[in-house]
C-alpha atoms as a PDB file:
ATOM      1  CA  MET A   1      16.229  -1.191  18.838  1.00  0.00           C
ATOM      2  CA  TYR A   2      12.703  -0.484  18.145  1.00  0.00           C
ATOM      3  CA  PRO A   3      10.757  -2.368  15.229  1.00  0.00           C
ATOM      4  CA  PRO A   4      10.041  -0.334  12.088  1.00  0.00           C
ATOM      5  CA  PRO A   5       6.630   1.798  12.245  1.00  0.00           C
ATOM      6  CA  VAL A   6       3.904   0.278  10.679  1.00  0.00           C
ATOM      7  CA  LEU A   7       1.013   0.826   9.216  1.00  0.00           C
ATOM      8  CA  THR A   8      -2.653  -0.810   8.802  1.00  0.00           C
ATOM      9  CA  VAL A   9      -4.034  -1.233   5.321  1.00  0.00           C
ATOM     10  CA  GLY A  10      -6.846   1.506   6.507  1.00  0.00           C
ATOM     11  CA  ALA A  11      -3.847   3.773   7.660  1.00  0.00           C
ATOM     12  CA  VAL A  12      -2.548   3.410   4.116  1.00  0.00           C
ATOM     13  CA  ALA A  13      -5.435   4.033   2.425  1.00  0.00           C
ATOM     14  CA  LYS A  14      -5.960   7.264   4.222  1.00  0.00           C
ATOM     15  CA  HIS A  15      -2.437   8.332   3.528  1.00  0.00           C
ATOM     16  CA  PHE A  16      -3.060   8.159  -0.332  1.00  0.00           C
ATOM     17  CA  GLY A  17      -6.483   9.437  -0.154  1.00  0.00           C
ATOM     18  CA  LEU A  18      -8.354   6.151  -1.289  1.00  0.00           C
ATOM     19  CA  ARG A  19     -10.786   3.278   0.226  1.00  0.00           C
ATOM     20  CA  GLU A  20      -9.413   0.525   2.100  1.00  0.00           C
ATOM     21  CA  TRP A  21     -10.654  -1.895  -0.547  1.00  0.00           C
ATOM     22  CA  GLN A  22      -8.502  -0.395  -3.088  1.00  0.00           C
ATOM     23  CA  VAL A  23      -5.451  -1.039  -1.023  1.00  0.00           C
ATOM     24  CA  ARG A  24      -6.580  -4.805  -0.025  1.00  0.00           C
ATOM     25  CA  ARG A  25      -7.058  -5.244  -3.928  1.00  0.00           C
ATOM     26  CA  VAL A  26      -3.457  -4.565  -4.973  1.00  0.00           C
ATOM     27  CA  PHE A  27      -2.381  -7.373  -2.529  1.00  0.00           C
ATOM     28  CA  GLU A  28      -5.122  -9.741  -3.684  1.00  0.00           C
ATOM     29  CA  ARG A  29      -4.371  -9.216  -7.521  1.00  0.00           C
ATOM     30  CA  GLY A  30      -0.478  -9.848  -6.760  1.00  0.00           C
ATOM     31  CA  LEU A  31       0.669  -6.682  -7.397  1.00  0.00           C
ATOM     32  CA  LEU A  32       2.409  -6.822  -4.427  1.00  0.00           C
ATOM     33  CA  PRO A  33       3.286  -9.871  -2.249  1.00  0.00           C
ATOM     34  CA  GLU A  34       1.082 -10.269   0.700  1.00  0.00           C
ATOM     35  CA  PRO A  35       1.636  -8.187   3.916  1.00  0.00           C
ATOM     36  CA  VAL A  36       2.536  -9.529   7.364  1.00  0.00           C
ATOM     37  CA  ARG A  37      -0.533  -9.575   9.593  1.00  0.00           C
ATOM     38  CA  VAL A  38      -0.642  -8.560  13.191  1.00  0.00           C
ATOM     39  CA  GLY A  39      -3.952 -10.285  14.801  1.00  0.00           C
ATOM     40  CA  ALA A  40      -6.424  -9.961  11.658  1.00  0.00           C
ATOM     41  CA  TYR A  41      -4.782  -6.537  10.178  1.00  0.00           C
ATOM     42  CA  ARG A  42      -2.269  -6.264   7.216  1.00  0.00           C
ATOM     43  CA  VAL A  43       0.353  -3.930   8.139  1.00  0.00           C
ATOM     44  CA  VAL A  44       3.156  -2.378   5.933  1.00  0.00           C
ATOM     45  CA  THR A  45       6.402  -0.516   6.881  1.00  0.00           C
ATOM     46  CA  GLU A  46       6.710   3.068   6.248  1.00  0.00           C
ATOM     47  CA  ALA A  47       9.816   1.727   4.044  1.00  0.00           C
ATOM     48  CA  GLU A  48       7.084  -0.039   2.245  1.00  0.00           C
ATOM     49  CA  LEU A  49       5.300   2.684   1.219  1.00  0.00           C
ATOM     50  CA  PRO A  50       7.008   3.978  -2.327  1.00  0.00           C
ATOM     51  CA  ALA A  51       6.372   0.407  -3.755  1.00  0.00           C
ATOM     52  CA  VAL A  52       2.753   0.200  -2.360  1.00  0.00           C
ATOM     53  CA  GLU A  53       2.342   3.613  -4.106  1.00  0.00           C
ATOM     54  CA  ASP A  54       3.564   2.347  -7.293  1.00  0.00           C
ATOM     55  CA  ALA A  55       1.209  -0.805  -7.268  1.00  0.00           C
ATOM     56  CA  LEU A  56      -1.433   1.531  -6.449  1.00  0.00           C
ATOM     57  CA  ARG A  57      -0.684   3.356  -9.576  1.00  0.00           C
ATOM     58  CA  ARG A  58      -0.282   0.098 -11.947  1.00  0.00           C
ATOM     59  CA  ALA A  59      -3.549  -0.678 -10.677  1.00  0.00           C
ATOM     60  CA  GLY A  60      -5.132   2.767 -11.541  1.00  0.00           C
ATOM     61  CA  TYR A  61      -6.186   4.100  -8.417  1.00  0.00           C
ATOM     62  CA  LEU A  62      -3.876   6.733  -8.706  1.00  0.00           C
ATOM     63  CA  PRO A  63      -2.767   8.974 -11.548  1.00  0.00           C
ATOM     64  CA  PRO A  64       0.646   8.598 -13.023  1.00  0.00           C
ATOM     65  CA  ALA A  65       3.273  10.273 -11.294  1.00  0.00           C
ATOM     66  CA  GLU A  66       4.093  13.596 -12.711  1.00  0.00           C
ATOM     67  CA  GLY A  67       6.863  13.587 -14.966  1.00  0.00           C
ATOM     68  CA  GLY A  68       7.336   9.627 -15.053  1.00  0.00           C
ATOM     69  CA  ASP A  69       6.581   6.730 -17.184  1.00  0.00           C
ATOM     70  CA  THR A  70       4.662   4.666 -14.543  1.00  0.00           C
END
């Protein structure tokens, strides 16, 4: 069995069209628990992307979801 695919903070930022500091900030502000580190890198699994997206919206780094109250 293989481990789940992971993304670095930089890859997450690129996925959402943001800067790395914006993704780091949601962890630093406590909007999400601190992610696992692999060496010097914070990594999140692909399964965690919806939670990261929600936190980025709450932080104001992404626009509200269409048709949602978020």
